[in-house]
PDB file of N, CA and C in Angstrom:
ATOM      1  N   MET A   1     -95.113 200.566 -49.669  1.00  0.00           N
ATOM      2  CA  MET A   1     -94.565 201.200 -49.868  1.00  0.00           C
ATOM      3  C   MET A   1     -93.641 200.028 -50.915  1.00  0.00           C
ATOM      4  N   ARG A   2     -93.412 200.588 -52.266  1.00  0.00           N
ATOM      5  CA  ARG A   2     -92.569 199.932 -53.066  1.00  0.00           C
ATOM      6  C   ARG A   2     -91.356 199.543 -52.762  1.00  0.00           C
ATOM      7  N   GLY A   3     -90.976 198.192 -52.589  1.00  0.00           N
ATOM      8  CA  GLY A   3     -89.629 197.749 -52.384  1.00  0.00           C
ATOM      9  C   GLY A   3     -89.186 197.734 -50.564  1.00  0.00           C
ATOM     10  N   TRP A   4     -90.485 197.980 -50.099  1.00  0.00           N
ATOM     11  CA  TRP A   4     -90.245 197.607 -48.570  1.00  0.00           C
ATOM     12  C   TRP A   4     -89.380 196.787 -48.075  1.00  0.00           C
ATOM     13  N   GLU A   5     -89.553 195.764 -48.768  1.00  0.00           N
ATOM     14  CA  GLU A   5     -88.870 194.160 -48.003  1.00  0.00           C
ATOM     15  C   GLU A   5     -87.432 194.448 -48.304  1.00  0.00           C
ATOM     16  N   PHE A   6     -86.617 195.193 -49.053  1.00  0.00           N
ATOM     17  CA  PHE A   6     -85.181 195.417 -49.385  1.00  0.00           C
ATOM     18  C   PHE A   6     -84.559 196.624 -48.375  1.00  0.00           C
ATOM     19  N   LEU A   7     -85.261 197.151 -47.773  1.00  0.00           N
ATOM     20  CA  LEU A   7     -85.201 198.660 -47.234  1.00  0.00           C
ATOM     21  C   LEU A   7     -84.429 197.782 -45.639  1.00  0.00           C
ATOM     22  N   ALA A   8     -83.152 198.323 -44.953  1.00  0.00           N
ATOM     23  CA  ALA A   8     -83.045 198.087 -43.471  1.00  0.00           C
ATOM     24  C   ALA A   8     -83.777 199.172 -42.835  1.00  0.00           C
ATOM     25  N   GLU A   9     -83.817 199.015 -41.196  1.00  0.00           N
ATOM     26  CA  GLU A   9     -84.812 199.676 -40.646  1.00  0.00           C
ATOM     27  C   GLU A   9     -84.645 201.481 -41.045  1.00  0.00           C
ATOM     28  N   ASP A  10     -83.255 201.453 -40.566  1.00  0.00           N
ATOM     29  CA  ASP A  10     -82.799 203.324 -41.151  1.00  0.00           C
ATOM     30  C   ASP A  10     -83.076 203.737 -42.445  1.00  0.00           C
ATOM     31  N   GLU A  11     -83.368 203.341 -43.242  1.00  0.00           N
ATOM     32  CA  GLU A  11     -83.516 203.103 -44.724  1.00  0.00           C
ATOM     33  C   GLU A  11     -85.017 203.341 -45.294  1.00  0.00           C
ATOM     34  N   ALA A  12     -85.970 202.197 -44.187  1.00  0.00           N
ATOM     35  CA  ALA A  12     -87.077 202.441 -44.167  1.00  0.00           C
ATOM     36  C   ALA A  12     -87.833 203.424 -43.611  1.00  0.00           C
ATOM     37  N   ILE A  13     -87.330 204.119 -42.439  1.00  0.00           N
ATOM     38  CA  ILE A  13     -87.537 205.372 -41.782  1.00  0.00           C
ATOM     39  C   ILE A  13     -87.417 206.214 -42.962  1.00  0.00           C
ATOM     40  N   ASP A  14     -85.874 206.563 -43.404  1.00  0.00           N
ATOM     41  CA  ASP A  14     -85.897 207.842 -44.414  1.00  0.00           C
ATOM     42  C   ASP A  14     -86.709 208.119 -45.225  1.00  0.00           C
ATOM     43  N   ALA A  15     -87.305 206.630 -45.933  1.00  0.00           N
ATOM     44  CA  ALA A  15     -88.352 206.706 -46.915  1.00  0.00           C
ATOM     45  C   ALA A  15     -89.500 206.786 -46.674  1.00  0.00           C
ATOM     46  N   ALA A  16     -89.869 206.506 -45.441  1.00  0.00           N
ATOM     47  CA  ALA A  16     -91.422 206.902 -44.725  1.00  0.00           C
ATOM     48  C   ALA A  16     -91.198 208.623 -44.416  1.00  0.00           C
ATOM     49  N   ILE A  17     -90.125 208.905 -43.934  1.00  0.00           N
ATOM     50  CA  ILE A  17     -89.887 210.969 -43.632  1.00  0.00           C
ATOM     51  C   ILE A  17     -90.024 211.414 -45.251  1.00  0.00           C
ATOM     52  N   ASP A  18     -89.420 210.606 -46.407  1.00  0.00           N
ATOM     53  CA  ASP A  18     -89.803 211.259 -47.338  1.00  0.00           C
ATOM     54  C   ASP A  18     -91.068 211.313 -47.862  1.00  0.00           C
ATOM     55  N   LYS A  19     -91.858 210.356 -47.923  1.00  0.00           N
ATOM     56  CA  LYS A  19     -93.527 210.005 -48.188  1.00  0.00           C
ATOM     57  C   LYS A  19     -93.999 210.832 -47.418  1.00  0.00           C
ATOM     58  N   TYR A  20     -93.892 211.227 -45.883  1.00  0.00           N
ATOM     59  CA  TYR A  20     -95.129 211.590 -45.261  1.00  0.00           C
ATOM     60  C   TYR A  20     -94.701 212.601 -44.296  1.00  0.00           C
ATOM     61  N   GLY A  21     -93.595 212.870 -44.562  1.00  0.00           N
ATOM     62  CA  GLY A  21     -92.869 214.203 -43.393  1.00  0.00           C
ATOM     63  C   GLY A  21     -92.455 213.912 -42.785  1.00  0.00           C
ATOM     64  N   LYS A  22     -91.680 215.018 -41.650  1.00  0.00           N
ATOM     65  CA  LYS A  22     -90.734 214.773 -40.717  1.00  0.00           C
ATOM     66  C   LYS A  22     -90.479 214.283 -39.718  1.00  0.00           C
ATOM     67  N   ASP A  23     -91.486 213.608 -39.330  1.00  0.00           N
ATOM     68  CA  ASP A  23     -91.518 212.869 -37.774  1.00  0.00           C
ATOM     69  C   ASP A  23     -91.196 211.481 -38.137  1.00  0.00           C
ATOM     70  N   PRO A  24     -90.328 210.752 -37.658  1.00  0.00           N
ATOM     71  CA  PRO A  24     -90.094 209.478 -38.128  1.00  0.00           C
ATOM     72  C   PRO A  24     -91.286 208.256 -37.442  1.00  0.00           C
ATOM     73  N   THR A  25     -91.935 208.365 -36.302  1.00  0.00           N
ATOM     74  CA  THR A  25     -92.814 207.584 -35.671  1.00  0.00           C
ATOM     75  C   THR A  25     -94.009 207.952 -36.420  1.00  0.00           C
ATOM     76  N   THR A  26     -94.615 208.950 -36.420  1.00  0.00           N
ATOM     77  CA  THR A  26     -95.711 209.355 -37.381  1.00  0.00           C
ATOM     78  C   THR A  26     -95.821 208.823 -38.837  1.00  0.00           C
ATOM     79  N   SER A  27     -94.312 209.305 -39.628  1.00  0.00           N
ATOM     80  CA  SER A  27     -94.412 208.608 -41.025  1.00  0.00           C
ATOM     81  C   SER A  27     -94.307 206.967 -41.171  1.00  0.00           C
ATOM     82  N   VAL A  28     -93.692 206.518 -39.967  1.00  0.00           N
ATOM     83  CA  VAL A  28     -94.079 205.307 -40.339  1.00  0.00           C
ATOM     84  C   VAL A  28     -95.156 204.594 -39.786  1.00  0.00           C
ATOM     85  N   ALA A  29     -95.653 205.117 -38.794  1.00  0.00           N
ATOM     86  CA  ALA A  29     -97.354 204.667 -38.596  1.00  0.00           C
ATOM     87  C   ALA A  29     -98.225 204.843 -39.813  1.00  0.00           C
ATOM     88  N   TYR A  30     -97.912 205.826 -40.667  1.00  0.00           N
ATOM     89  CA  TYR A  30     -98.628 206.158 -41.777  1.00  0.00           C
ATOM     90  C   TYR A  30     -98.297 205.207 -43.046  1.00  0.00           C
ATOM     91  N   CYS A  31     -97.431 204.597 -42.850  1.00  0.00           N
ATOM     92  CA  CYS A  31     -96.915 203.496 -43.939  1.00  0.00           C
ATOM     93  C   CYS A  31     -97.493 202.017 -43.200  1.00  0.00           C
ATOM     94  N   ALA A  32     -97.562 202.110 -41.959  1.00  0.00           N
ATOM     95  CA  ALA A  32     -98.041 200.942 -41.414  1.00  0.00           C
ATOM     96  C   ALA A  32     -99.991 200.687 -41.621  1.00  0.00           C
ATOM     97  N   PHE A  33    -100.237 201.920 -41.453  1.00  0.00           N
ATOM     98  CA  PHE A  33    -101.693 201.983 -41.796  1.00  0.00           C
ATOM     99  C   PHE A  33    -101.861 201.834 -43.374  1.00  0.00           C
ATOM    100  N   GLU A  34    -101.158 202.662 -44.331  1.00  0.00           N
ATOM    101  CA  GLU A  34    -101.407 202.003 -45.887  1.00  0.00           C
ATOM    102  C   GLU A  34    -101.091 200.567 -45.997  1.00  0.00           C
ATOM    103  N   ALA A  35    -100.620 199.942 -45.348  1.00  0.00           N
ATOM    104  CA  ALA A  35    -100.109 198.471 -45.415  1.00  0.00           C
ATOM    105  C   ALA A  35    -101.320 197.284 -44.705  1.00  0.00           C
ATOM    106  N   LEU A  36    -102.718 198.134 -44.090  1.00  0.00           N
ATOM    107  CA  LEU A  36    -103.393 197.315 -43.561  1.00  0.00           C
ATOM    108  C   LEU A  36    -104.309 196.767 -44.457  1.00  0.00           C
ATOM    109  N   ASP A  37    -104.462 197.771 -45.377  1.00  0.00           N
ATOM    110  CA  ASP A  37    -105.266 196.118 -46.005  1.00  0.00           C
ATOM    111  C   ASP A  37    -104.761 194.460 -46.651  1.00  0.00           C
ATOM    112  N   ASN A  38    -103.831 194.232 -46.447  1.00  0.00           N
ATOM    113  CA  ASN A  38    -102.823 193.439 -45.986  1.00  0.00           C
ATOM    114  C   ASN A  38    -102.598 192.977 -44.367  1.00  0.00           C
ATOM    115  N   ARG A  39    -103.550 193.266 -43.635  1.00  0.00           N
ATOM    116  CA  ARG A  39    -103.377 192.862 -42.292  1.00  0.00           C
ATOM    117  C   ARG A  39    -102.780 191.431 -41.943  1.00  0.00           C
ATOM    118  N   GLY A  40    -101.708 191.415 -41.003  1.00  0.00           N
ATOM    119  CA  GLY A  40    -101.045 190.423 -40.653  1.00  0.00           C
ATOM    120  C   GLY A  40    -100.030 189.690 -41.779  1.00  0.00           C
ATOM    121  N   GLY A  41     -99.807 190.845 -43.138  1.00  0.00           N
ATOM    122  CA  GLY A  41     -99.302 190.633 -44.032  1.00  0.00           C
ATOM    123  C   GLY A  41     -97.998 191.088 -43.748  1.00  0.00           C
ATOM    124  N   PRO A  42     -96.690 190.176 -44.505  1.00  0.00           N
ATOM    125  CA  PRO A  42     -95.649 190.981 -44.224  1.00  0.00           C
ATOM    126  C   PRO A  42     -95.520 192.371 -44.031  1.00  0.00           C
ATOM    127  N   GLU A  43     -96.056 193.204 -44.946  1.00  0.00           N
ATOM    128  CA  GLU A  43     -95.572 194.473 -45.264  1.00  0.00           C
ATOM    129  C   GLU A  43     -96.438 195.219 -43.949  1.00  0.00           C
ATOM    130  N   HIS A  44     -97.536 194.918 -43.492  1.00  0.00           N
ATOM    131  CA  HIS A  44     -98.051 195.460 -42.195  1.00  0.00           C
ATOM    132  C   HIS A  44     -97.287 194.904 -40.730  1.00  0.00           C
ATOM    133  N   ARG A  45     -96.591 193.868 -40.988  1.00  0.00           N
ATOM    134  CA  ARG A  45     -95.524 193.695 -39.880  1.00  0.00           C
ATOM    135  C   ARG A  45     -94.613 194.149 -39.534  1.00  0.00           C
ATOM    136  N   PHE A  46     -93.791 194.102 -40.997  1.00  0.00           N
ATOM    137  CA  PHE A  46     -92.502 195.029 -40.759  1.00  0.00           C
ATOM    138  C   PHE A  46     -92.983 196.451 -40.553  1.00  0.00           C
ATOM    139  N   TRP A  47     -93.869 197.373 -41.153  1.00  0.00           N
ATOM    140  CA  TRP A  47     -93.813 198.790 -40.840  1.00  0.00           C
ATOM    141  C   TRP A  47     -94.558 198.762 -38.834  1.00  0.00           C
ATOM    142  N   PHE A  48     -95.303 197.799 -38.719  1.00  0.00           N
ATOM    143  CA  PHE A  48     -96.194 197.997 -37.261  1.00  0.00           C
ATOM    144  C   PHE A  48     -95.037 197.856 -36.042  1.00  0.00           C
ATOM    145  N   ASP A  49     -94.137 196.797 -36.658  1.00  0.00           N
ATOM    146  CA  ASP A  49     -93.131 196.428 -35.946  1.00  0.00           C
ATOM    147  C   ASP A  49     -91.785 197.600 -35.615  1.00  0.00           C
ATOM    148  N   LEU A  50     -91.372 198.062 -36.803  1.00  0.00           N
ATOM    149  CA  LEU A  50     -90.597 199.506 -36.592  1.00  0.00           C
ATOM    150  C   LEU A  50     -91.479 200.741 -35.836  1.00  0.00           C
ATOM    151  N   PHE A  51     -92.653 200.721 -35.988  1.00  0.00           N
ATOM    152  CA  PHE A  51     -93.428 201.785 -35.976  1.00  0.00           C
ATOM    153  C   PHE A  51     -93.232 201.322 -33.942  1.00  0.00           C
ATOM    154  N   LEU A  52     -93.462 200.272 -33.281  1.00  0.00           N
ATOM    155  CA  LEU A  52     -93.622 199.999 -32.004  1.00  0.00           C
ATOM    156  C   LEU A  52     -91.784 200.228 -31.119  1.00  0.00           C
ATOM    157  N   LYS A  53     -90.776 200.232 -31.812  1.00  0.00           N
ATOM    158  CA  LYS A  53     -89.240 200.247 -32.219  1.00  0.00           C
ATOM    159  C   LYS A  53     -89.597 201.827 -31.621  1.00  0.00           C
ATOM    160  N   LEU A  54     -89.818 202.523 -32.672  1.00  0.00           N
ATOM    161  CA  LEU A  54     -90.050 203.862 -32.527  1.00  0.00           C
ATOM    162  C   LEU A  54     -90.398 204.523 -31.246  1.00  0.00           C
ATOM    163  N   VAL A  55     -92.078 204.216 -31.035  1.00  0.00           N
ATOM    164  CA  VAL A  55     -92.678 204.404 -29.910  1.00  0.00           C
ATOM    165  C   VAL A  55     -91.773 204.052 -28.581  1.00  0.00           C
ATOM    166  N   LYS A  56     -91.336 202.818 -28.626  1.00  0.00           N
ATOM    167  CA  LYS A  56     -90.376 202.522 -27.510  1.00  0.00           C
ATOM    168  C   LYS A  56     -89.555 202.908 -27.282  1.00  0.00           C
ATOM    169  N   ALA A  57     -88.775 203.638 -28.306  1.00  0.00           N
ATOM    170  CA  ALA A  57     -87.385 204.384 -27.945  1.00  0.00           C
ATOM    171  C   ALA A  57     -87.531 206.067 -27.703  1.00  0.00           C
ATOM    172  N   ASP A  58     -88.815 206.082 -27.952  1.00  0.00           N
ATOM    173  CA  ASP A  58     -89.330 207.882 -27.668  1.00  0.00           C
ATOM    174  C   ASP A  58     -89.883 208.051 -26.380  1.00  0.00           C
ATOM    175  N   HIS A  59     -90.234 206.917 -25.799  1.00  0.00           N
ATOM    176  CA  HIS A  59     -90.826 206.532 -24.733  1.00  0.00           C
ATOM    177  C   HIS A  59     -89.887 206.509 -23.358  1.00  0.00           C
ATOM    178  N   VAL A  60     -88.403 205.330 -24.036  1.00  0.00           N
ATOM    179  CA  VAL A  60     -87.690 205.502 -22.790  1.00  0.00           C
ATOM    180  C   VAL A  60     -86.284 206.879 -22.573  1.00  0.00           C
ATOM    181  N   GLY A  61     -86.472 207.649 -24.192  1.00  0.00           N
ATOM    182  CA  GLY A  61     -85.828 208.859 -23.989  1.00  0.00           C
ATOM    183  C   GLY A  61     -86.387 209.786 -23.531  1.00  0.00           C
ATOM    184  N   SER A  62     -87.864 209.789 -23.164  1.00  0.00           N
ATOM    185  CA  SER A  62     -88.598 210.817 -22.528  1.00  0.00           C
ATOM    186  C   SER A  62     -89.017 210.701 -20.883  1.00  0.00           C
ATOM    187  N   ALA A  63     -88.220 209.737 -20.487  1.00  0.00           N
ATOM    188  CA  ALA A  63     -87.963 209.545 -19.062  1.00  0.00           C
ATOM    189  C   ALA A  63     -87.270 209.906 -18.340  1.00  0.00           C
TER     190      ALA A  63
END
């Protein structure tokens, strides 16, 4: 995604939802998959870390 490095986490989630659909966790996961060609690169790490935060928040919220 272009300009990912300038997005705050909330903005990144909104951008991911705009691109891939309603579910924030799934949308962010798709962004991480999209950045996989640069595995280990900063963009992939950004989206993957954000995905992990969302998964953790979903898990804690469901307990």
